[in-house]
Amino acid sequence: VLLMDEPFGALDQILRRSMNIELQRIWMENRATTLLVTHGIDEAL
């Protein structure tokens, strides 16, 4: 299980989006059950 509380909250929008793409790639490799807390609707979607 992977629990993440606003892990990219301190990053600017461009870097945050890049990290969203990276996190998806990492999750698809690992497939741990993941729960992400975020304030970003686009990030959540």
All heavy atoms as atom14 arrays in JSON, in Angstrom:
{
  "sequence": "VLLMDEPFGALDQILRRSMNIELQRIWMENRATTLLVTHGIDEAL",
  "atom14_mask": [
    [1, 1, 1, 1, 1, 1, 1, 0, 0, 0, 0, 0, 0, 0],
    [1, 1, 1, 1, 1, 1, 1, 1, 0, 0, 0, 0, 0, 0],
    [1, 1, 1, 1, 1, 1, 1, 1, 0, 0, 0, 0, 0, 0],
    [1, 1, 1, 1, 1, 1, 1, 1, 0, 0, 0, 0, 0, 0],
    [1, 1, 1, 1, 1, 1, 1, 1, 0, 0, 0, 0, 0, 0],
    [1, 1, 1, 1, 1, 1, 1, 1, 1, 0, 0, 0, 0, 0],
    [1, 1, 1, 1, 1, 1, 1, 0, 0, 0, 0, 0, 0, 0],
    [1, 1, 1, 1, 1, 1, 1, 1, 1, 1, 1, 0, 0, 0],
    [1, 1, 1, 1, 0, 0, 0, 0, 0, 0, 0, 0, 0, 0],
    [1, 1, 1, 1, 1, 0, 0, 0, 0, 0, 0, 0, 0, 0],
    [1, 1, 1, 1, 1, 1, 1, 1, 0, 0, 0, 0, 0, 0],
    [1, 1, 1, 1, 1, 1, 1, 1, 0, 0, 0, 0, 0, 0],
    [1, 1, 1, 1, 1, 1, 1, 1, 1, 0, 0, 0, 0, 0],
    [1, 1, 1, 1, 1, 1, 1, 1, 0, 0, 0, 0, 0, 0],
    [1, 1, 1, 1, 1, 1, 1, 1, 0, 0, 0, 0, 0, 0],
    [1, 1, 1, 1, 1, 1, 1, 1, 1, 1, 1, 0, 0, 0],
    [1, 1, 1, 1, 1, 1, 1, 1, 1, 1, 1, 0, 0, 0],
    [1, 1, 1, 1, 1, 1, 0, 0, 0, 0, 0, 0, 0, 0],
    [1, 1, 1, 1, 1, 1, 1, 1, 0, 0, 0, 0, 0, 0],
    [1, 1, 1, 1, 1, 1, 1, 1, 0, 0, 0, 0, 0, 0],
    [1, 1, 1, 1, 1, 1, 1, 1, 0, 0, 0, 0, 0, 0],
    [1, 1, 1, 1, 1, 1, 1, 1, 1, 0, 0, 0, 0, 0],
    [1, 1, 1, 1, 1, 1, 1, 1, 0, 0, 0, 0, 0, 0],
    [1, 1, 1, 1, 1, 1, 1, 1, 1, 0, 0, 0, 0, 0],
    [1, 1, 1, 1, 1, 1, 1, 1, 1, 1, 1, 0, 0, 0],
    [1, 1, 1, 1, 1, 1, 1, 1, 0, 0, 0, 0, 0, 0],
    [1, 1, 1, 1, 1, 1, 1, 1, 1, 1, 1, 1, 1, 1],
    [1, 1, 1, 1, 1, 1, 1, 1, 0, 0, 0, 0, 0, 0],
    [1, 1, 1, 1, 1, 1, 1, 1, 1, 0, 0, 0, 0, 0],
    [1, 1, 1, 1, 1, 1, 1, 1, 0, 0, 0, 0, 0, 0],
    [1, 1, 1, 1, 1, 1, 1, 1, 1, 1, 1, 0, 0, 0],
    [1, 1, 1, 1, 1, 0, 0, 0, 0, 0, 0, 0, 0, 0],
    [1, 1, 1, 1, 1, 1, 1, 0, 0, 0, 0, 0, 0, 0],
    [1, 1, 1, 1, 1, 1, 1, 0, 0, 0, 0, 0, 0, 0],
    [1, 1, 1, 1, 1, 1, 1, 1, 0, 0, 0, 0, 0, 0],
    [1, 1, 1, 1, 1, 1, 1, 1, 0, 0, 0, 0, 0, 0],
    [1, 1, 1, 1, 1, 1, 1, 0, 0, 0, 0, 0, 0, 0],
    [1, 1, 1, 1, 1, 1, 1, 0, 0, 0, 0, 0, 0, 0],
    [1, 1, 1, 1, 1, 1, 1, 1, 1, 1, 0, 0, 0, 0],
    [1, 1, 1, 1, 0, 0, 0, 0, 0, 0, 0, 0, 0, 0],
    [1, 1, 1, 1, 1, 1, 1, 1, 0, 0, 0, 0, 0, 0],
    [1, 1, 1, 1, 1, 1, 1, 1, 0, 0, 0, 0, 0, 0],
    [1, 1, 1, 1, 1, 1, 1, 1, 1, 0, 0, 0, 0, 0],
    [1, 1, 1, 1, 1, 0, 0, 0, 0, 0, 0, 0, 0, 0],
    [1, 1, 1, 1, 1, 1, 1, 1, 0, 0, 0, 0, 0, 0]
  ],
  "atom14_positions": [
    [[0.85, -1.19, 0.0], [0.0, 0.0, 0.0], [0.89, 1.23, 0.0], [1.85, 1.32, 0.76], [-0.93, 0.01, 1.23], [-1.65, 1.35, 1.37], [-1.96, -1.12, 1.14], [0.0, 0.0, 0.0], [0.0, 0.0, 0.0], [0.0, 0.0, 0.0], [0.0, 0.0, 0.0], [0.0, 0.0, 0.0], [0.0, 0.0, 0.0], [0.0, 0.0, 0.0]],
    [[0.54, 2.2, -0.86], [1.26, 3.46, -0.96], [0.31, 4.6, -0.62], [-0.75, 4.75, -1.23], [1.8, 3.64, -2.39], [2.67, 4.86, -2.68], [3.91, 4.87, -1.79], [3.08, 4.88, -4.15], [0.0, 0.0, 0.0], [0.0, 0.0, 0.0], [0.0, 0.0, 0.0], [0.0, 0.0, 0.0], [0.0, 0.0, 0.0], [0.0, 0.0, 0.0]],
    [[0.67, 5.4, 0.4], [-0.15, 6.51, 0.87], [0.59, 7.81, 0.62], [1.74, 7.96, 1.04], [-0.44, 6.34, 2.37], [-1.08, 5.0, 2.78], [-1.12, 4.88, 4.3], [-2.47, 4.85, 2.18], [0.0, 0.0, 0.0], [0.0, 0.0, 0.0], [0.0, 0.0, 0.0], [0.0, 0.0, 0.0], [0.0, 0.0, 0.0], [0.0, 0.0, 0.0]],
    [[-0.07, 8.76, -0.06], [0.61, 9.99, -0.47], [-0.26, 11.19, -0.12], [-1.42, 11.28, -0.53], [0.88, 9.96, -1.98], [1.55, 8.67, -2.45], [1.98, 8.69, -4.2], [3.5, 9.63, -4.11], [0.0, 0.0, 0.0], [0.0, 0.0, 0.0], [0.0, 0.0, 0.0], [0.0, 0.0, 0.0], [0.0, 0.0, 0.0], [0.0, 0.0, 0.0]],
    [[0.32, 12.1, 0.66], [-0.4, 13.29, 1.1], [0.19, 14.53, 0.43], [1.24, 15.02, 0.85], [-0.32, 13.42, 2.63], [-1.29, 14.46, 3.18], [-1.93, 15.17, 2.38], [-1.43, 14.54, 4.41], [0.0, 0.0, 0.0], [0.0, 0.0, 0.0], [0.0, 0.0, 0.0], [0.0, 0.0, 0.0], [0.0, 0.0, 0.0], [0.0, 0.0, 0.0]],
    [[-0.44, 15.01, -0.64], [0.01, 16.18, -1.39], [1.51, 16.12, -1.71], [2.26, 17.05, -1.41], [-0.29, 17.46, -0.6], [-1.75, 17.87, -0.6], [-2.18, 18.54, -1.9], [-1.32, 18.81, -2.76], [-3.38, 18.78, -2.05], [0.0, 0.0, 0.0], [0.0, 0.0, 0.0], [0.0, 0.0, 0.0], [0.0, 0.0, 0.0], [0.0, 0.0, 0.0]],
    [[1.98, 15.02, -2.31], [3.43, 14.9, -2.5], [4.01, 15.94, -3.45], [5.21, 16.2, -3.41], [3.58, 13.49, -3.08], [2.27, 13.22, -3.75], [1.26, 13.88, -2.87], [0.0, 0.0, 0.0], [0.0, 0.0, 0.0], [0.0, 0.0, 0.0], [0.0, 0.0, 0.0], [0.0, 0.0, 0.0], [0.0, 0.0, 0.0], [0.0, 0.0, 0.0]],
    [[3.16, 16.55, -4.3], [3.66, 17.54, -5.27], [3.11, 18.93, -4.99], [3.17, 19.81, -5.84], [3.3, 17.11, -6.7], [3.63, 15.68, -7.0], [2.7, 14.84, -7.59], [4.87, 15.15, -6.67], [2.99, 13.52, -7.85], [5.18, 13.82, -6.93], [4.23, 13.0, -7.52], [0.0, 0.0, 0.0], [0.0, 0.0, 0.0], [0.0, 0.0, 0.0]],
    [[2.56, 19.12, -3.79], [1.89, 20.38, -3.47], [2.81, 21.59, -3.49], [2.34, 22.71, -3.72], [0.0, 0.0, 0.0], [0.0, 0.0, 0.0], [0.0, 0.0, 0.0], [0.0, 0.0, 0.0], [0.0, 0.0, 0.0], [0.0, 0.0, 0.0], [0.0, 0.0, 0.0], [0.0, 0.0, 0.0], [0.0, 0.0, 0.0], [0.0, 0.0, 0.0]],
    [[4.1, 21.39, -3.24], [5.03, 22.53, -3.18], [5.67, 22.83, -4.53], [6.48, 23.75, -4.63], [6.12, 22.25, -2.14], [0.0, 0.0, 0.0], [0.0, 0.0, 0.0], [0.0, 0.0, 0.0], [0.0, 0.0, 0.0], [0.0, 0.0, 0.0], [0.0, 0.0, 0.0], [0.0, 0.0, 0.0], [0.0, 0.0, 0.0], [0.0, 0.0, 0.0]],
    [[5.32, 22.06, -5.57], [5.94, 22.23, -6.87], [5.12, 23.16, -7.76], [3.91, 23.28, -7.6], [6.1, 20.87, -7.56], [6.82, 19.78, -6.77], [6.92, 18.51, -7.6], [8.21, 20.24, -6.33], [0.0, 0.0, 0.0], [0.0, 0.0, 0.0], [0.0, 0.0, 0.0], [0.0, 0.0, 0.0], [0.0, 0.0, 0.0], [0.0, 0.0, 0.0]],
    [[5.8, 23.81, -8.72], [5.06, 24.66, -9.66], [4.24, 23.78, -10.61], [4.45, 22.57, -10.71], [6.01, 25.57, -10.44], [6.99, 24.79, -11.33], [6.54, 24.15, -12.3], [8.21, 24.82, -11.05], [0.0, 0.0, 0.0], [0.0, 0.0, 0.0], [0.0, 0.0, 0.0], [0.0, 0.0, 0.0], [0.0, 0.0, 0.0], [0.0, 0.0, 0.0]],
    [[3.3, 24.4, -11.33], [2.34, 23.66, -12.13], [3.02, 22.81, -13.22], [2.62, 21.67, -13.46], [1.33, 24.61, -12.78], [0.24, 23.94, -13.61], [-0.65, 23.03, -12.79], [-0.82, 23.22, -11.58], [-1.23, 22.02, -13.42], [0.0, 0.0, 0.0], [0.0, 0.0, 0.0], [0.0, 0.0, 0.0], [0.0, 0.0, 0.0], [0.0, 0.0, 0.0]],
    [[4.02, 23.35, -13.87], [4.7, 22.61, -14.94], [5.38, 21.37, -14.38], [5.24, 20.26, -14.92], [5.71, 23.51, -15.67], [4.98, 24.66, -16.39], [6.55, 22.71, -16.65], [5.91, 25.69, -17.0], [0.0, 0.0, 0.0], [0.0, 0.0, 0.0], [0.0, 0.0, 0.0], [0.0, 0.0, 0.0], [0.0, 0.0, 0.0], [0.0, 0.0, 0.0]],
    [[6.11, 21.54, -13.28], [6.82, 20.42, -12.67], [5.83, 19.42, -12.08], [6.02, 18.2, -12.16], [7.78, 20.92, -11.6], [8.68, 19.89, -10.94], [9.45, 19.09, -11.98], [9.65, 20.58, -9.98], [0.0, 0.0, 0.0], [0.0, 0.0, 0.0], [0.0, 0.0, 0.0], [0.0, 0.0, 0.0], [0.0, 0.0, 0.0], [0.0, 0.0, 0.0]],
    [[4.74, 19.94, -11.51], [3.73, 19.07, -10.92], [3.13, 18.15, -11.97], [2.96, 16.95, -11.74], [2.65, 19.92, -10.27], [1.58, 19.12, -9.52], [0.67, 20.02, -8.73], [-0.24, 19.26, -7.91], [-0.7, 19.66, -6.74], [-0.32, 20.82, -6.25], [-1.54, 18.92, -6.06], [0.0, 0.0, 0.0], [0.0, 0.0, 0.0], [0.0, 0.0, 0.0]],
    [[2.83, 18.7, -13.14], [2.26, 17.88, -14.21], [3.26, 16.82, -14.67], [2.89, 15.68, -14.93], [1.81, 18.77, -15.37], [1.07, 18.01, -16.45], [0.1, 18.9, -17.19], [-1.0, 19.34, -16.35], [-2.03, 20.08, -16.78], [-2.07, 20.47, -18.04], [-3.0, 20.43, -15.97], [0.0, 0.0, 0.0], [0.0, 0.0, 0.0], [0.0, 0.0, 0.0]],
    [[4.51, 17.21, -14.76], [5.55, 16.25, -15.13], [5.62, 15.12, -14.1], [5.76, 13.94, -14.46], [6.9, 16.96, -15.24], [7.94, 16.03, -15.45], [0.0, 0.0, 0.0], [0.0, 0.0, 0.0], [0.0, 0.0, 0.0], [0.0, 0.0, 0.0], [0.0, 0.0, 0.0], [0.0, 0.0, 0.0], [0.0, 0.0, 0.0], [0.0, 0.0, 0.0]],
    [[5.51, 15.48, -12.82], [5.57, 14.46, -11.77], [4.32, 13.58, -11.78], [4.38, 12.39, -11.41], [5.74, 15.13, -10.41], [7.12, 15.75, -10.19], [8.48, 14.57, -10.36], [8.09, 13.4, -9.08], [0.0, 0.0, 0.0], [0.0, 0.0, 0.0], [0.0, 0.0, 0.0], [0.0, 0.0, 0.0], [0.0, 0.0, 0.0], [0.0, 0.0, 0.0]],
    [[3.16, 14.12, -12.19], [1.96, 13.29, -12.35], [2.22, 12.18, -13.36], [1.84, 11.02, -13.14], [0.78, 14.14, -12.82], [0.25, 15.1, -11.78], [-0.5, 16.02, -12.12], [0.64, 14.95, -10.53], [0.0, 0.0, 0.0], [0.0, 0.0, 0.0], [0.0, 0.0, 0.0], [0.0, 0.0, 0.0], [0.0, 0.0, 0.0], [0.0, 0.0, 0.0]],
    [[2.84, 12.55, -14.48], [3.15, 11.57, -15.52], [4.13, 10.53, -14.99], [3.99, 9.32, -15.23], [3.69, 12.28, -16.78], [2.6, 13.19, -17.36], [4.17, 11.27, -17.81], [3.12, 14.2, -18.36], [0.0, 0.0, 0.0], [0.0, 0.0, 0.0], [0.0, 0.0, 0.0], [0.0, 0.0, 0.0], [0.0, 0.0, 0.0], [0.0, 0.0, 0.0]],
    [[5.13, 10.99, -14.23], [6.12, 10.07, -13.66], [5.47, 9.13, -12.65], [5.76, 7.92, -12.63], [7.24, 10.86, -12.98], [8.2, 11.53, -13.94], [8.95, 10.52, -14.77], [9.58, 9.6, -14.2], [8.89, 10.61, -16.01], [0.0, 0.0, 0.0], [0.0, 0.0, 0.0], [0.0, 0.0, 0.0], [0.0, 0.0, 0.0], [0.0, 0.0, 0.0]],
    [[4.57, 9.67, -11.81], [3.94, 8.83, -10.79], [3.07, 7.77, -11.45], [3.04, 6.61, -10.99], [3.11, 9.69, -9.84], [2.37, 8.91, -8.74], [3.33, 8.07, -7.9], [1.58, 9.88, -7.84], [0.0, 0.0, 0.0], [0.0, 0.0, 0.0], [0.0, 0.0, 0.0], [0.0, 0.0, 0.0], [0.0, 0.0, 0.0], [0.0, 0.0, 0.0]],
    [[2.36, 8.13, -12.52], [1.56, 7.13, -13.22], [2.46, 6.0, -13.74], [2.15, 4.81, -13.58], [0.81, 7.75, -14.4], [0.03, 6.7, -15.19], [-0.52, 7.22, -16.5], [-1.68, 6.99, -16.82], [0.3, 7.9, -17.28], [0.0, 0.0, 0.0], [0.0, 0.0, 0.0], [0.0, 0.0, 0.0], [0.0, 0.0, 0.0], [0.0, 0.0, 0.0]],
    [[3.59, 6.36, -14.32], [4.51, 5.35, -14.85], [5.02, 4.44, -13.73], [5.05, 3.21, -13.88], [5.68, 6.05, -15.55], [6.72, 5.09, -16.13], [7.86, 5.84, -16.79], [8.59, 6.69, -15.86], [9.53, 6.25, -15.03], [9.85, 4.96, -15.02], [10.14, 7.08, -14.22], [0.0, 0.0, 0.0], [0.0, 0.0, 0.0], [0.0, 0.0, 0.0]],
    [[5.39, 5.05, -12.6], [5.91, 4.28, -11.47], [4.82, 3.35, -10.92], [5.06, 2.18, -10.63], [6.44, 5.23, -10.38], [7.69, 5.95, -10.88], [6.73, 4.48, -9.08], [8.09, 7.15, -10.04], [0.0, 0.0, 0.0], [0.0, 0.0, 0.0], [0.0, 0.0, 0.0], [0.0, 0.0, 0.0], [0.0, 0.0, 0.0], [0.0, 0.0, 0.0]],
    [[3.6, 3.88, -10.8], [2.49, 3.07, -10.27], [2.19, 1.9, -11.2], [1.92, 0.78, -10.74], [1.25, 3.93, -10.08], [0.07, 3.13, -9.62], [-0.19, 2.69, -8.35], [-1.0, 2.63, -10.44], [-1.36, 1.96, -8.34], [-1.88, 1.91, -9.6], [-1.3, 2.74, -11.8], [-3.03, 1.3, -10.07], [-2.46, 2.13, -12.27], [-3.31, 1.42, -11.41]],
    [[2.24, 2.12, -12.5], [1.97, 1.04, -13.45], [3.03, -0.05, -13.39], [2.77, -1.21, -13.69], [1.81, 1.6, -14.86], [0.53, 2.42, -15.03], [0.23, 2.99, -16.72], [-0.23, 1.46, -17.51], [0.0, 0.0, 0.0], [0.0, 0.0, 0.0], [0.0, 0.0, 0.0], [0.0, 0.0, 0.0], [0.0, 0.0, 0.0], [0.0, 0.0, 0.0]],
    [[4.25, 0.32, -12.98], [5.31, -0.67, -12.77], [5.08, -1.45, -11.47], [5.31, -2.66, -11.41], [6.66, 0.03, -12.69], [7.16, 0.61, -14.01], [8.02, -0.36, -14.79], [8.15, -1.52, -14.35], [8.53, 0.03, -15.84], [0.0, 0.0, 0.0], [0.0, 0.0, 0.0], [0.0, 0.0, 0.0], [0.0, 0.0, 0.0], [0.0, 0.0, 0.0]],
    [[4.61, -0.74, -10.44], [4.56, -1.3, -9.09], [3.2, -1.89, -8.72], [3.12, -2.94, -8.1], [4.97, -0.2, -8.1], [4.94, -0.65, -6.67], [3.91, -0.53, -6.0], [6.05, -1.17, -6.18], [0.0, 0.0, 0.0], [0.0, 0.0, 0.0], [0.0, 0.0, 0.0], [0.0, 0.0, 0.0], [0.0, 0.0, 0.0], [0.0, 0.0, 0.0]],
    [[2.13, -1.16, -9.08], [0.74, -1.56, -8.82], [0.42, -1.73, -7.34], [-0.46, -2.51, -6.97], [0.39, -2.85, -9.57], [0.41, -2.7, -11.08], [-0.77, -1.91, -11.6], [-0.73, -1.82, -13.06], [-1.69, -1.33, -13.82], [-2.78, -0.85, -13.25], [-1.58, -1.28, -15.13], [0.0, 0.0, 0.0], [0.0, 0.0, 0.0], [0.0, 0.0, 0.0]],
    [[1.11, -1.0, -6.48], [0.71, -0.98, -5.07], [-0.65, -0.3, -4.96], [-0.97, 0.62, -5.72], [1.74, -0.23, -4.24], [0.0, 0.0, 0.0], [0.0, 0.0, 0.0], [0.0, 0.0, 0.0], [0.0, 0.0, 0.0], [0.0, 0.0, 0.0], [0.0, 0.0, 0.0], [0.0, 0.0, 0.0], [0.0, 0.0, 0.0], [0.0, 0.0, 0.0]],
    [[-1.47, -0.75, -4.04], [-2.73, -0.09, -3.76], [-2.41, 1.33, -3.27], [-1.72, 1.49, -2.27], [-3.52, -0.85, -2.68], [-3.62, -2.22, -3.08], [-4.9, -0.26, -2.48], [0.0, 0.0, 0.0], [0.0, 0.0, 0.0], [0.0, 0.0, 0.0], [0.0, 0.0, 0.0], [0.0, 0.0, 0.0], [0.0, 0.0, 0.0], [0.0, 0.0, 0.0]],
    [[-2.9, 2.34, -3.99], [-2.45, 3.71, -3.73], [-3.61, 4.61, -3.36], [-4.68, 4.57, -3.98], [-1.73, 4.27, -4.97], [-0.58, 3.46, -5.24], [-1.27, 5.71, -4.74], [0.0, 0.0, 0.0], [0.0, 0.0, 0.0], [0.0, 0.0, 0.0], [0.0, 0.0, 0.0], [0.0, 0.0, 0.0], [0.0, 0.0, 0.0], [0.0, 0.0, 0.0]],
    [[-3.38, 5.43, -2.34], [-4.34, 6.45, -1.91], [-3.61, 7.78, -1.92], [-2.61, 7.96, -1.22], [-4.87, 6.14, -0.51], [-6.12, 6.89, -0.05], [-7.31, 6.49, -0.9], [-6.41, 6.58, 1.41], [0.0, 0.0, 0.0], [0.0, 0.0, 0.0], [0.0, 0.0, 0.0], [0.0, 0.0, 0.0], [0.0, 0.0, 0.0], [0.0, 0.0, 0.0]],
    [[-4.11, 8.73, -2.73], [-3.48, 10.04, -2.91], [-4.39, 11.14, -2.4], [-5.54, 11.24, -2.82], [-3.18, 10.27, -4.39], [-2.74, 11.68, -4.8], [-1.31, 11.97, -4.36], [-2.88, 11.87, -6.32], [0.0, 0.0, 0.0], [0.0, 0.0, 0.0], [0.0, 0.0, 0.0], [0.0, 0.0, 0.0], [0.0, 0.0, 0.0], [0.0, 0.0, 0.0]],
    [[-3.9, 11.96, -1.48], [-4.6, 13.17, -1.05], [-4.12, 14.33, -1.91], [-2.91, 14.54, -2.05], [-4.34, 13.47, 0.44], [-4.83, 14.87, 0.81], [-5.01, 12.42, 1.32], [0.0, 0.0, 0.0], [0.0, 0.0, 0.0], [0.0, 0.0, 0.0], [0.0, 0.0, 0.0], [0.0, 0.0, 0.0], [0.0, 0.0, 0.0], [0.0, 0.0, 0.0]],
    [[-5.04, 15.06, -2.51], [-4.66, 16.17, -3.37], [-5.74, 17.25, -3.33], [-6.9, 16.98, -3.02], [-4.46, 15.7, -4.83], [-4.12, 16.82, -5.64], [-5.71, 15.03, -5.39], [0.0, 0.0, 0.0], [0.0, 0.0, 0.0], [0.0, 0.0, 0.0], [0.0, 0.0, 0.0], [0.0, 0.0, 0.0], [0.0, 0.0, 0.0], [0.0, 0.0, 0.0]],
    [[-5.33, 18.49, -3.67], [-6.29, 19.58, -3.86], [-6.55, 19.82, -5.34], [-7.39, 20.66, -5.7], [-5.76, 20.88, -3.22], [-5.93, 20.93, -1.74], [-4.91, 20.63, -0.86], [-7.0, 21.21, -0.96], [-5.34, 20.77, 0.38], [-6.61, 21.11, 0.35], [0.0, 0.0, 0.0], [0.0, 0.0, 0.0], [0.0, 0.0, 0.0], [0.0, 0.0, 0.0]],
    [[-5.83, 19.1, -6.21], [-5.95, 19.34, -7.64], [-6.92, 18.38, -8.31], [-6.67, 17.17, -8.35], [0.0, 0.0, 0.0], [0.0, 0.0, 0.0], [0.0, 0.0, 0.0], [0.0, 0.0, 0.0], [0.0, 0.0, 0.0], [0.0, 0.0, 0.0], [0.0, 0.0, 0.0], [0.0, 0.0, 0.0], [0.0, 0.0, 0.0], [0.0, 0.0, 0.0]],
    [[-8.03, 18.89, -8.85], [-8.99, 18.02, -9.53], [-8.34, 17.38, -10.74], [-8.52, 16.18, -11.0], [-10.24, 18.82, -9.95], [-10.96, 19.4, -8.74], [-11.2, 17.93, -10.75], [-12.17, 20.27, -9.07], [0.0, 0.0, 0.0], [0.0, 0.0, 0.0], [0.0, 0.0, 0.0], [0.0, 0.0, 0.0], [0.0, 0.0, 0.0], [0.0, 0.0, 0.0]],
    [[-7.56, 18.15, -11.51], [-6.92, 17.58, -12.71], [-5.93, 16.49, -12.33], [-5.84, 15.46, -13.02], [-6.25, 18.69, -13.53], [-5.19, 19.47, -12.76], [-5.19, 19.42, -11.51], [-4.36, 20.14, -13.41], [0.0, 0.0, 0.0], [0.0, 0.0, 0.0], [0.0, 0.0, 0.0], [0.0, 0.0, 0.0], [0.0, 0.0, 0.0], [0.0, 0.0, 0.0]],
    [[-5.2, 16.68, -11.25], [-4.25, 15.67, -10.78], [-4.98, 14.38, -10.4], [-4.56, 13.27, -10.75], [-3.46, 16.21, -9.59], [-2.42, 15.26, -9.03], [-1.5, 15.95, -8.03], [-1.91, 16.08, -6.85], [-0.4, 16.37, -8.44], [0.0, 0.0, 0.0], [0.0, 0.0, 0.0], [0.0, 0.0, 0.0], [0.0, 0.0, 0.0], [0.0, 0.0, 0.0]],
    [[-6.09, 14.54, -9.67], [-6.88, 13.38, -9.25], [-7.43, 12.62, -10.45], [-7.36, 11.38, -10.52], [-8.02, 13.84, -8.34], [0.0, 0.0, 0.0], [0.0, 0.0, 0.0], [0.0, 0.0, 0.0], [0.0, 0.0, 0.0], [0.0, 0.0, 0.0], [0.0, 0.0, 0.0], [0.0, 0.0, 0.0], [0.0, 0.0, 0.0], [0.0, 0.0, 0.0]],
    [[-7.96, 13.36, -11.44], [-8.54, 12.73, -12.63], [-7.48, 12.0, -13.46], [-7.73, 10.93, -14.0], [-9.22, 13.78, -13.51], [-10.6, 14.25, -13.09], [-11.09, 15.35, -14.03], [-11.58, 13.1, -13.1], [0.0, 0.0, 0.0], [0.0, 0.0, 0.0], [0.0, 0.0, 0.0], [0.0, 0.0, 0.0], [0.0, 0.0, 0.0], [0.0, 0.0, 0.0]]
  ]
}
